[in-house]
N, C-alpha and C. Protein backbone atom coordinates (compact mmCIF):
# COMPACT_ATOMS: atom_id res chain seq x y z
N MET A 1 -54.94 0.24 31.84
CA MET A 1 -53.48 0.09 31.89
C MET A 1 -52.81 0.84 30.73
N HIS A 2 -53.51 0.99 29.63
CA HIS A 2 -52.91 1.63 28.46
C HIS A 2 -52.97 3.15 28.53
N LYS A 3 -54.02 3.65 29.24
CA LYS A 3 -54.20 5.11 29.25
C LYS A 3 -53.17 5.89 30.08
N PRO A 4 -52.75 5.44 31.26
CA PRO A 4 -51.80 6.26 32.04
C PRO A 4 -50.43 6.39 31.39
N LYS A 5 -50.14 5.58 30.35
CA LYS A 5 -48.82 5.64 29.72
C LYS A 5 -48.70 6.86 28.76
N ALA A 6 -49.80 7.34 28.25
CA ALA A 6 -49.77 8.44 27.27
C ALA A 6 -49.19 9.74 27.85
N PRO A 7 -49.66 10.20 29.04
CA PRO A 7 -49.10 11.45 29.59
C PRO A 7 -47.60 11.35 29.88
N GLU A 8 -47.18 10.17 30.33
CA GLU A 8 -45.77 9.95 30.63
C GLU A 8 -44.94 10.14 29.36
N LYS A 9 -45.42 9.53 28.28
CA LYS A 9 -44.74 9.65 27.00
C LYS A 9 -44.70 11.12 26.58
N ASP A 10 -45.82 11.80 26.78
CA ASP A 10 -45.92 13.21 26.43
C ASP A 10 -44.89 14.03 27.20
N LEU A 11 -44.76 13.73 28.49
CA LEU A 11 -43.81 14.45 29.33
C LEU A 11 -42.38 14.20 28.86
N ASN A 12 -42.14 12.97 28.39
CA ASN A 12 -40.79 12.64 27.92
C ASN A 12 -40.45 13.39 26.63
N THR A 13 -41.44 13.57 25.77
CA THR A 13 -41.18 14.21 24.48
C THR A 13 -41.23 15.73 24.57
N THR A 14 -41.93 16.29 25.55
CA THR A 14 -42.12 17.74 25.61
C THR A 14 -40.83 18.54 25.80
N PRO A 15 -39.95 18.21 26.77
CA PRO A 15 -38.75 19.03 26.97
C PRO A 15 -37.85 19.07 25.73
N LYS A 16 -37.75 17.92 25.05
CA LYS A 16 -36.94 17.85 23.86
C LYS A 16 -37.47 18.84 22.82
N TRP A 17 -38.79 18.81 22.64
CA TRP A 17 -39.42 19.71 21.66
C TRP A 17 -39.24 21.17 22.07
N ALA A 18 -39.38 21.42 23.38
CA ALA A 18 -39.23 22.80 23.87
C ALA A 18 -37.82 23.30 23.60
N ALA A 19 -36.82 22.46 23.86
CA ALA A 19 -35.43 22.85 23.64
C ALA A 19 -35.19 23.10 22.15
N ARG A 20 -35.75 22.20 21.34
CA ARG A 20 -35.57 22.33 19.89
C ARG A 20 -36.20 23.63 19.39
N ILE A 21 -37.42 23.92 19.88
CA ILE A 21 -38.13 25.14 19.48
C ILE A 21 -37.35 26.37 19.93
N ARG A 22 -36.82 26.30 21.15
CA ARG A 22 -36.05 27.43 21.68
C ARG A 22 -34.82 27.68 20.81
N ARG A 23 -34.12 26.59 20.47
CA ARG A 23 -32.92 26.70 19.65
C ARG A 23 -33.28 27.27 18.27
N LEU A 24 -34.38 26.75 17.70
CA LEU A 24 -34.82 27.22 16.39
C LEU A 24 -35.17 28.71 16.43
N ARG A 25 -35.86 29.10 17.52
CA ARG A 25 -36.25 30.50 17.65
C ARG A 25 -35.02 31.40 17.72
N ARG A 26 -34.02 30.95 18.50
CA ARG A 26 -32.79 31.73 18.64
C ARG A 26 -32.10 31.86 17.29
N LEU A 27 -32.04 30.72 16.55
CA LEU A 27 -31.40 30.72 15.24
C LEU A 27 -32.14 31.64 14.27
N VAL A 28 -33.48 31.57 14.33
CA VAL A 28 -34.29 32.40 13.43
C VAL A 28 -34.07 33.87 13.73
N ARG A 29 -34.02 34.21 15.03
CA ARG A 29 -33.83 35.60 15.41
C ARG A 29 -32.47 36.10 14.89
N ARG A 30 -31.43 35.27 15.10
CA ARG A 30 -30.09 35.65 14.67
C ARG A 30 -30.04 35.81 13.14
N ALA A 31 -30.66 34.85 12.43
CA ALA A 31 -30.65 34.88 10.97
C ALA A 31 -31.39 36.12 10.46
N ARG A 32 -32.55 36.41 11.11
CA ARG A 32 -33.34 37.56 10.68
C ARG A 32 -32.55 38.86 10.88
N SER A 33 -31.90 39.00 12.03
CA SER A 33 -31.13 40.22 12.30
C SER A 33 -29.98 40.34 11.31
N ALA A 34 -29.33 39.19 11.02
CA ALA A 34 -28.20 39.21 10.07
C ALA A 34 -28.70 39.59 8.69
N LEU A 35 -29.85 39.03 8.30
CA LEU A 35 -30.41 39.33 6.98
C LEU A 35 -30.77 40.81 6.86
N ILE A 36 -31.39 41.34 7.92
CA ILE A 36 -31.78 42.75 7.92
C ILE A 36 -30.54 43.63 7.81
N ARG A 37 -29.50 43.27 8.57
CA ARG A 37 -28.26 44.04 8.53
C ARG A 37 -27.65 43.99 7.13
N HIS A 38 -27.66 42.78 6.55
CA HIS A 38 -27.09 42.59 5.21
C HIS A 38 -27.86 43.41 4.17
N MET A 39 -29.20 43.38 4.28
CA MET A 39 -30.04 44.13 3.35
C MET A 39 -29.81 45.63 3.49
N LEU A 40 -29.69 46.07 4.75
CA LEU A 40 -29.46 47.50 4.99
C LEU A 40 -28.12 47.92 4.40
N ARG A 41 -27.11 47.07 4.59
CA ARG A 41 -25.79 47.38 4.06
C ARG A 41 -25.84 47.42 2.53
N GLY A 42 -26.55 46.45 1.94
CA GLY A 42 -26.68 46.41 0.49
C GLY A 42 -27.39 47.65 -0.04
N ALA A 43 -28.47 48.04 0.64
CA ALA A 43 -29.22 49.23 0.23
C ALA A 43 -28.34 50.47 0.36
N ALA A 44 -27.59 50.55 1.46
CA ALA A 44 -26.72 51.71 1.69
C ALA A 44 -25.65 51.79 0.61
N SER A 45 -25.05 50.64 0.28
CA SER A 45 -23.99 50.63 -0.74
C SER A 45 -24.57 50.99 -2.10
N ALA A 46 -25.77 50.46 -2.41
CA ALA A 46 -26.41 50.77 -3.70
C ALA A 46 -26.72 52.27 -3.77
N LEU A 47 -27.24 52.81 -2.67
CA LEU A 47 -27.56 54.23 -2.62
C LEU A 47 -26.28 55.05 -2.79
N GLY A 48 -25.23 54.63 -2.11
CA GLY A 48 -23.95 55.34 -2.20
C GLY A 48 -23.40 55.31 -3.61
N SER A 49 -23.49 54.13 -4.26
CA SER A 49 -22.95 54.01 -5.62
C SER A 49 -23.76 54.87 -6.58
N THR A 50 -25.09 54.87 -6.43
CA THR A 50 -25.92 55.69 -7.32
C THR A 50 -25.65 57.16 -7.08
N LEU A 51 -25.47 57.52 -5.82
CA LEU A 51 -25.19 58.92 -5.48
C LEU A 51 -23.86 59.35 -6.10
N MET A 52 -22.85 58.47 -5.99
CA MET A 52 -21.54 58.79 -6.56
C MET A 52 -21.64 58.91 -8.08
N ALA A 53 -22.38 57.98 -8.71
CA ALA A 53 -22.55 58.03 -10.16
C ALA A 53 -23.24 59.33 -10.57
N TRP A 54 -24.29 59.71 -9.83
CA TRP A 54 -25.01 60.94 -10.13
C TRP A 54 -24.10 62.15 -9.94
N LEU A 55 -23.29 62.11 -8.88
CA LEU A 55 -22.38 63.23 -8.62
C LEU A 55 -21.35 63.36 -9.74
N THR A 56 -20.80 62.21 -10.18
CA THR A 56 -19.80 62.27 -11.25
C THR A 56 -20.45 62.75 -12.54
N TRP A 57 -21.67 62.27 -12.82
CA TRP A 57 -22.39 62.71 -14.03
C TRP A 57 -22.65 64.20 -13.97
N TRP A 58 -23.10 64.66 -12.79
CA TRP A 58 -23.41 66.08 -12.60
C TRP A 58 -22.14 66.93 -12.75
N ALA A 59 -21.01 66.42 -12.21
CA ALA A 59 -19.74 67.14 -12.30
C ALA A 59 -19.27 67.25 -13.74
N THR A 60 -19.51 66.18 -14.54
CA THR A 60 -19.03 66.19 -15.93
C THR A 60 -20.00 66.91 -16.85
N HIS A 61 -21.29 66.96 -16.52
CA HIS A 61 -22.30 67.56 -17.41
C HIS A 61 -22.77 68.94 -16.94
N ARG A 62 -21.95 69.64 -16.21
CA ARG A 62 -22.38 70.96 -15.74
C ARG A 62 -22.29 71.96 -16.87
């Protein structure tokens, strides 16, 4: 009598976990893409600032 109750319980808990995992995966994907975009933007701005600094230095020290 005790054994047939376990799969039922499992079935009840599985969809909830699946939905949670799906939501987490979606959030992780979005966060990762946002982080990558942010890092790329930061790298681009840093590169641009260094390039501008080098250009100004080169212009003044010719």
